[in-house]
Amino acid sequence: MNCLHCHKYIDHLHNTSHVLVRDLSIFGRLVYLKVPRRKYYCNDCGRYPTQVGSPLKTV
């Protein structure tokens, strides 16, 4: 991943949190997807950029 601030390549994962995304209901029951949101640490600028984009594909 490239840093969003200084545009240098970074691969040092700082932490991962999860976001709940609502999906289509199945048999009348609510469905939520637990999607990881990764935060990295940039050694060059000292910031913590978050991964942009979703690992989910839309159909």
PDB file of N, CA and C in Angstrom:
ATOM      1  N   MET A   1       0.857  -1.175   0.000  1.00  0.00           N
ATOM      2  CA  MET A   1       0.000   0.000   0.000  1.00  0.00           C
ATOM      3  C   MET A   1       0.895   1.227   0.000  1.00  0.00           C
ATOM      4  N   ASN A   2       0.450   2.290  -0.666  1.00  0.00           N
ATOM      5  CA  ASN A   2       1.172   3.558  -0.659  1.00  0.00           C
ATOM      6  C   ASN A   2       0.536   4.499   0.349  1.00  0.00           C
ATOM      7  N   CYS A   3       1.379   5.256   1.045  1.00  0.00           N
ATOM      8  CA  CYS A   3       0.902   6.239   2.019  1.00  0.00           C
ATOM      9  C   CYS A   3       0.082   7.304   1.296  1.00  0.00           C
ATOM     10  N   LEU A   4      -1.050   7.652   1.870  1.00  0.00           N
ATOM     11  CA  LEU A   4      -1.917   8.656   1.255  1.00  0.00           C
ATOM     12  C   LEU A   4      -1.349  10.068   1.392  1.00  0.00           C
ATOM     13  N   HIS A   5      -0.375  10.256   2.285  1.00  0.00           N
ATOM     14  CA  HIS A   5       0.169  11.588   2.559  1.00  0.00           C
ATOM     15  C   HIS A   5       1.474  11.848   1.795  1.00  0.00           C
ATOM     16  N   CYS A   6       2.434  10.915   1.906  1.00  0.00           N
ATOM     17  CA  CYS A   6       3.728  11.133   1.250  1.00  0.00           C
ATOM     18  C   CYS A   6       3.923  10.234   0.027  1.00  0.00           C
ATOM     19  N   HIS A   7       2.998   9.318  -0.222  1.00  0.00           N
ATOM     20  CA  HIS A   7       2.971   8.442  -1.398  1.00  0.00           C
ATOM     21  C   HIS A   7       4.117   7.428  -1.447  1.00  0.00           C
ATOM     22  N   LYS A   8       4.750   7.175  -0.318  1.00  0.00           N
ATOM     23  CA  LYS A   8       5.788   6.140  -0.255  1.00  0.00           C
ATOM     24  C   LYS A   8       5.127   4.793   0.039  1.00  0.00           C
ATOM     25  N   TYR A   9       5.782   3.704  -0.375  1.00  0.00           N
ATOM     26  CA  TYR A   9       5.253   2.368  -0.132  1.00  0.00           C
ATOM     27  C   TYR A   9       5.399   2.021   1.348  1.00  0.00           C
ATOM     28  N   ILE A  10       4.317   1.499   1.958  1.00  0.00           N
ATOM     29  CA  ILE A  10       4.365   1.069   3.352  1.00  0.00           C
ATOM     30  C   ILE A  10       3.755  -0.325   3.461  1.00  0.00           C
ATOM     31  N   ASP A  11       4.301  -1.105   4.388  1.00  0.00           N
ATOM     32  CA  ASP A  11       3.748  -2.434   4.616  1.00  0.00           C
ATOM     33  C   ASP A  11       3.694  -2.766   6.106  1.00  0.00           C
ATOM     34  N   HIS A  12       3.937  -1.768   6.963  1.00  0.00           N
ATOM     35  CA  HIS A  12       3.912  -1.984   8.413  1.00  0.00           C
ATOM     36  C   HIS A  12       2.481  -1.807   8.923  1.00  0.00           C
ATOM     37  N   LEU A  13       1.816  -2.912   9.207  1.00  0.00           N
ATOM     38  CA  LEU A  13       0.444  -2.879   9.698  1.00  0.00           C
ATOM     39  C   LEU A  13       0.438  -2.443  11.162  1.00  0.00           C
ATOM     40  N   HIS A  14      -0.307  -1.384  11.477  1.00  0.00           N
ATOM     41  CA  HIS A  14      -0.385  -0.872  12.850  1.00  0.00           C
ATOM     42  C   HIS A  14      -1.467  -1.599  13.636  1.00  0.00           C
ATOM     43  N   ASN A  15      -2.678  -1.635  13.110  1.00  0.00           N
ATOM     44  CA  ASN A  15      -3.758  -2.394  13.743  1.00  0.00           C
ATOM     45  C   ASN A  15      -4.880  -2.622  12.742  1.00  0.00           C
ATOM     46  N   THR A  16      -5.817  -3.469  13.138  1.00  0.00           N
ATOM     47  CA  THR A  16      -6.972  -3.775  12.304  1.00  0.00           C
ATOM     48  C   THR A  16      -8.223  -3.648  13.151  1.00  0.00           C
ATOM     49  N   SER A  17      -9.182  -2.898  12.650  1.00  0.00           N
ATOM     50  CA  SER A  17     -10.492  -2.823  13.291  1.00  0.00           C
ATOM     51  C   SER A  17     -11.501  -3.403  12.303  1.00  0.00           C
ATOM     52  N   HIS A  18     -12.713  -3.609  12.761  1.00  0.00           N
ATOM     53  CA  HIS A  18     -13.725  -4.190  11.888  1.00  0.00           C
ATOM     54  C   HIS A  18     -14.933  -3.262  11.790  1.00  0.00           C
ATOM     55  N   VAL A  19     -15.516  -3.231  10.614  1.00  0.00           N
ATOM     56  CA  VAL A  19     -16.698  -2.437  10.336  1.00  0.00           C
ATOM     57  C   VAL A  19     -17.811  -3.408   9.954  1.00  0.00           C
ATOM     58  N   LEU A  20     -19.001  -3.207  10.515  1.00  0.00           N
ATOM     59  CA  LEU A  20     -20.141  -4.040  10.145  1.00  0.00           C
ATOM     60  C   LEU A  20     -20.854  -3.414   8.957  1.00  0.00           C
ATOM     61  N   VAL A  21     -21.032  -4.207   7.909  1.00  0.00           N
ATOM     62  CA  VAL A  21     -21.707  -3.758   6.693  1.00  0.00           C
ATOM     63  C   VAL A  21     -22.958  -4.604   6.525  1.00  0.00           C
ATOM     64  N   ARG A  22     -24.096  -3.940   6.361  1.00  0.00           N
ATOM     65  CA  ARG A  22     -25.342  -4.687   6.200  1.00  0.00           C
ATOM     66  C   ARG A  22     -25.449  -5.242   4.792  1.00  0.00           C
ATOM     67  N   ASP A  23     -25.816  -6.498   4.705  1.00  0.00           N
ATOM     68  CA  ASP A  23     -25.983  -7.178   3.430  1.00  0.00           C
ATOM     69  C   ASP A  23     -27.476  -7.447   3.215  1.00  0.00           C
ATOM     70  N   LEU A  24     -27.816  -8.122   2.152  1.00  0.00           N
ATOM     71  CA  LEU A  24     -29.206  -8.465   1.891  1.00  0.00           C
ATOM     72  C   LEU A  24     -29.703  -9.471   2.921  1.00  0.00           C
ATOM     73  N   SER A  25     -30.966  -9.370   3.278  1.00  0.00           N
ATOM     74  CA  SER A  25     -31.560 -10.299   4.237  1.00  0.00           C
ATOM     75  C   SER A  25     -31.720 -11.682   3.616  1.00  0.00           C
ATOM     76  N   ILE A  26     -31.613 -12.699   4.469  1.00  0.00           N
ATOM     77  CA  ILE A  26     -31.807 -14.078   4.038  1.00  0.00           C
ATOM     78  C   ILE A  26     -32.907 -14.678   4.897  1.00  0.00           C
ATOM     79  N   PHE A  27     -33.967 -15.146   4.253  1.00  0.00           N
ATOM     80  CA  PHE A  27     -35.112 -15.741   4.945  1.00  0.00           C
ATOM     81  C   PHE A  27     -35.671 -14.822   6.030  1.00  0.00           C
ATOM     82  N   GLY A  28     -35.692 -13.518   5.734  1.00  0.00           N
ATOM     83  CA  GLY A  28     -36.245 -12.548   6.672  1.00  0.00           C
ATOM     84  C   GLY A  28     -35.320 -12.180   7.823  1.00  0.00           C
ATOM     85  N   ARG A  29     -34.119 -12.678   7.815  1.00  0.00           N
ATOM     86  CA  ARG A  29     -33.161 -12.376   8.888  1.00  0.00           C
ATOM     87  C   ARG A  29     -32.135 -11.379   8.378  1.00  0.00           C
ATOM     88  N   LEU A  30     -31.739 -10.440   9.244  1.00  0.00           N
ATOM     89  CA  LEU A  30     -30.725  -9.456   8.881  1.00  0.00           C
ATOM     90  C   LEU A  30     -29.365 -10.132   8.769  1.00  0.00           C
ATOM     91  N   VAL A  31     -28.578  -9.669   7.821  1.00  0.00           N
ATOM     92  CA  VAL A  31     -27.243 -10.223   7.605  1.00  0.00           C
ATOM     93  C   VAL A  31     -26.243  -9.078   7.628  1.00  0.00           C
ATOM     94  N   TYR A  32     -25.202  -9.242   8.425  1.00  0.00           N
ATOM     95  CA  TYR A  32     -24.126  -8.257   8.507  1.00  0.00           C
ATOM     96  C   TYR A  32     -22.808  -8.931   8.181  1.00  0.00           C
ATOM     97  N   LEU A  33     -21.948  -8.216   7.476  1.00  0.00           N
ATOM     98  CA  LEU A  33     -20.622  -8.709   7.147  1.00  0.00           C
ATOM     99  C   LEU A  33     -19.605  -7.963   8.000  1.00  0.00           C
ATOM    100  N   LYS A  34     -18.667  -8.679   8.568  1.00  0.00           N
ATOM    101  CA  LYS A  34     -17.607  -8.082   9.371  1.00  0.00           C
ATOM    102  C   LYS A  34     -16.406  -7.861   8.452  1.00  0.00           C
ATOM    103  N   VAL A  35     -16.174  -6.601   8.074  1.00  0.00           N
ATOM    104  CA  VAL A  35     -15.152  -6.262   7.091  1.00  0.00           C
ATOM    105  C   VAL A  35     -13.952  -5.643   7.801  1.00  0.00           C
ATOM    106  N   PRO A  36     -12.741  -6.168   7.566  1.00  0.00           N
ATOM    107  CA  PRO A  36     -11.563  -5.595   8.225  1.00  0.00           C
ATOM    108  C   PRO A  36     -11.199  -4.235   7.646  1.00  0.00           C
ATOM    109  N   ARG A  37     -10.768  -3.340   8.535  1.00  0.00           N
ATOM    110  CA  ARG A  37     -10.286  -2.016   8.142  1.00  0.00           C
ATOM    111  C   ARG A  37      -8.873  -1.892   8.695  1.00  0.00           C
ATOM    112  N   ARG A  38      -7.904  -1.875   7.807  1.00  0.00           N
ATOM    113  CA  ARG A  38      -6.500  -1.920   8.221  1.00  0.00           C
ATOM    114  C   ARG A  38      -5.896  -0.522   8.296  1.00  0.00           C
ATOM    115  N   LYS A  39      -5.158  -0.289   9.381  1.00  0.00           N
ATOM    116  CA  LYS A  39      -4.462   0.977   9.563  1.00  0.00           C
ATOM    117  C   LYS A  39      -2.964   0.677   9.563  1.00  0.00           C
ATOM    118  N   TYR A  40      -2.227   1.418   8.758  1.00  0.00           N
ATOM    119  CA  TYR A  40      -0.792   1.214   8.605  1.00  0.00           C
ATOM    120  C   TYR A  40      -0.021   2.351   9.266  1.00  0.00           C
ATOM    121  N   TYR A  41       1.275   2.142   9.473  1.00  0.00           N
ATOM    122  CA  TYR A  41       2.149   3.194   9.986  1.00  0.00           C
ATOM    123  C   TYR A  41       3.196   3.497   8.926  1.00  0.00           C
ATOM    124  N   CYS A  42       3.354   4.778   8.606  1.00  0.00           N
ATOM    125  CA  CYS A  42       4.340   5.209   7.617  1.00  0.00           C
ATOM    126  C   CYS A  42       5.586   5.706   8.347  1.00  0.00           C
ATOM    127  N   ASN A  43       6.720   5.041   8.123  1.00  0.00           N
ATOM    128  CA  ASN A  43       7.982   5.441   8.752  1.00  0.00           C
ATOM    129  C   ASN A  43       8.506   6.761   8.209  1.00  0.00           C
ATOM    130  N   ASP A  44       8.131   7.113   6.980  1.00  0.00           N
ATOM    131  CA  ASP A  44       8.647   8.327   6.360  1.00  0.00           C
ATOM    132  C   ASP A  44       7.993   9.596   6.894  1.00  0.00           C
ATOM    133  N   CYS A  45       6.664   9.600   7.015  1.00  0.00           N
ATOM    134  CA  CYS A  45       5.982  10.830   7.466  1.00  0.00           C
ATOM    135  C   CYS A  45       5.392  10.698   8.871  1.00  0.00           C
ATOM    136  N   GLY A  46       5.413   9.492   9.452  1.00  0.00           N
ATOM    137  CA  GLY A  46       4.941   9.310  10.824  1.00  0.00           C
ATOM    138  C   GLY A  46       3.432   9.305  10.980  1.00  0.00           C
ATOM    139  N   ARG A  47       2.705   9.144   9.902  1.00  0.00           N
ATOM    140  CA  ARG A  47       1.239   9.137   9.980  1.00  0.00           C
ATOM    141  C   ARG A  47       0.700   7.715   9.922  1.00  0.00           C
ATOM    142  N   TYR A  48      -0.607   7.605  10.190  1.00  0.00           N
ATOM    143  CA  TYR A  48      -1.284   6.313  10.224  1.00  0.00           C
ATOM    144  C   TYR A  48      -2.405   6.268   9.183  1.00  0.00           C
ATOM    145  N   PRO A  49      -2.077   6.061   7.911  1.00  0.00           N
ATOM    146  CA  PRO A  49      -3.134   6.003   6.895  1.00  0.00           C
ATOM    147  C   PRO A  49      -3.956   4.724   7.002  1.00  0.00           C
ATOM    148  N   THR A  50      -5.231   4.854   6.670  1.00  0.00           N
ATOM    149  CA  THR A  50      -6.149   3.720   6.673  1.00  0.00           C
ATOM    150  C   THR A  50      -6.311   3.230   5.246  1.00  0.00           C
ATOM    151  N   GLN A  51      -6.418   1.927   5.094  1.00  0.00           N
ATOM    152  CA  GLN A  51      -6.577   1.322   3.777  1.00  0.00           C
ATOM    153  C   GLN A  51      -7.833   1.885   3.106  1.00  0.00           C
ATOM    154  N   VAL A  52      -7.673   2.330   1.867  1.00  0.00           N
ATOM    155  CA  VAL A  52      -8.772   2.908   1.099  1.00  0.00           C
ATOM    156  C   VAL A  52      -9.385   1.838   0.228  1.00  0.00           C
ATOM    157  N   GLY A  53     -10.684   1.894   0.095  1.00  0.00           N
ATOM    158  CA  GLY A  53     -11.380   0.908  -0.733  1.00  0.00           C
ATOM    159  C   GLY A  53     -11.908  -0.216   0.119  1.00  0.00           C
ATOM    160  N   SER A  54     -12.723  -1.001  -0.493  1.00  0.00           N
ATOM    161  CA  SER A  54     -13.356  -2.094   0.214  1.00  0.00           C
ATOM    162  C   SER A  54     -12.909  -3.419  -0.362  1.00  0.00           C
ATOM    163  N   PRO A  55     -12.672  -4.418   0.485  1.00  0.00           N
ATOM    164  CA  PRO A  55     -12.342  -5.731  -0.056  1.00  0.00           C
ATOM    165  C   PRO A  55     -13.566  -6.432  -0.641  1.00  0.00           C
ATOM    166  N   LEU A  56     -14.731  -5.799  -0.539  1.00  0.00           N
ATOM    167  CA  LEU A  56     -15.964  -6.387  -1.077  1.00  0.00           C
ATOM    168  C   LEU A  56     -16.161  -5.953  -2.518  1.00  0.00           C
ATOM    169  N   LYS A  57     -16.670  -6.846  -3.332  1.00  0.00           N
ATOM    170  CA  LYS A  57     -17.003  -6.504  -4.705  1.00  0.00           C
ATOM    171  C   LYS A  57     -18.513  -6.373  -4.818  1.00  0.00           C
ATOM    172  N   THR A  58     -18.962  -5.403  -5.581  1.00  0.00           N
ATOM    173  CA  THR A  58     -20.396  -5.245  -5.803  1.00  0.00           C
ATOM    174  C   THR A  58     -20.788  -6.038  -7.021  1.00  0.00           C
ATOM    175  N   VAL A  59     -21.986  -6.578  -6.977  1.00  0.00           N
ATOM    176  CA  VAL A  59     -22.471  -7.400  -8.091  1.00  0.00           C
ATOM    177  C   VAL A  59     -23.591  -6.659  -8.791  1.00  0.00           C
TER     178      VAL A  59
END
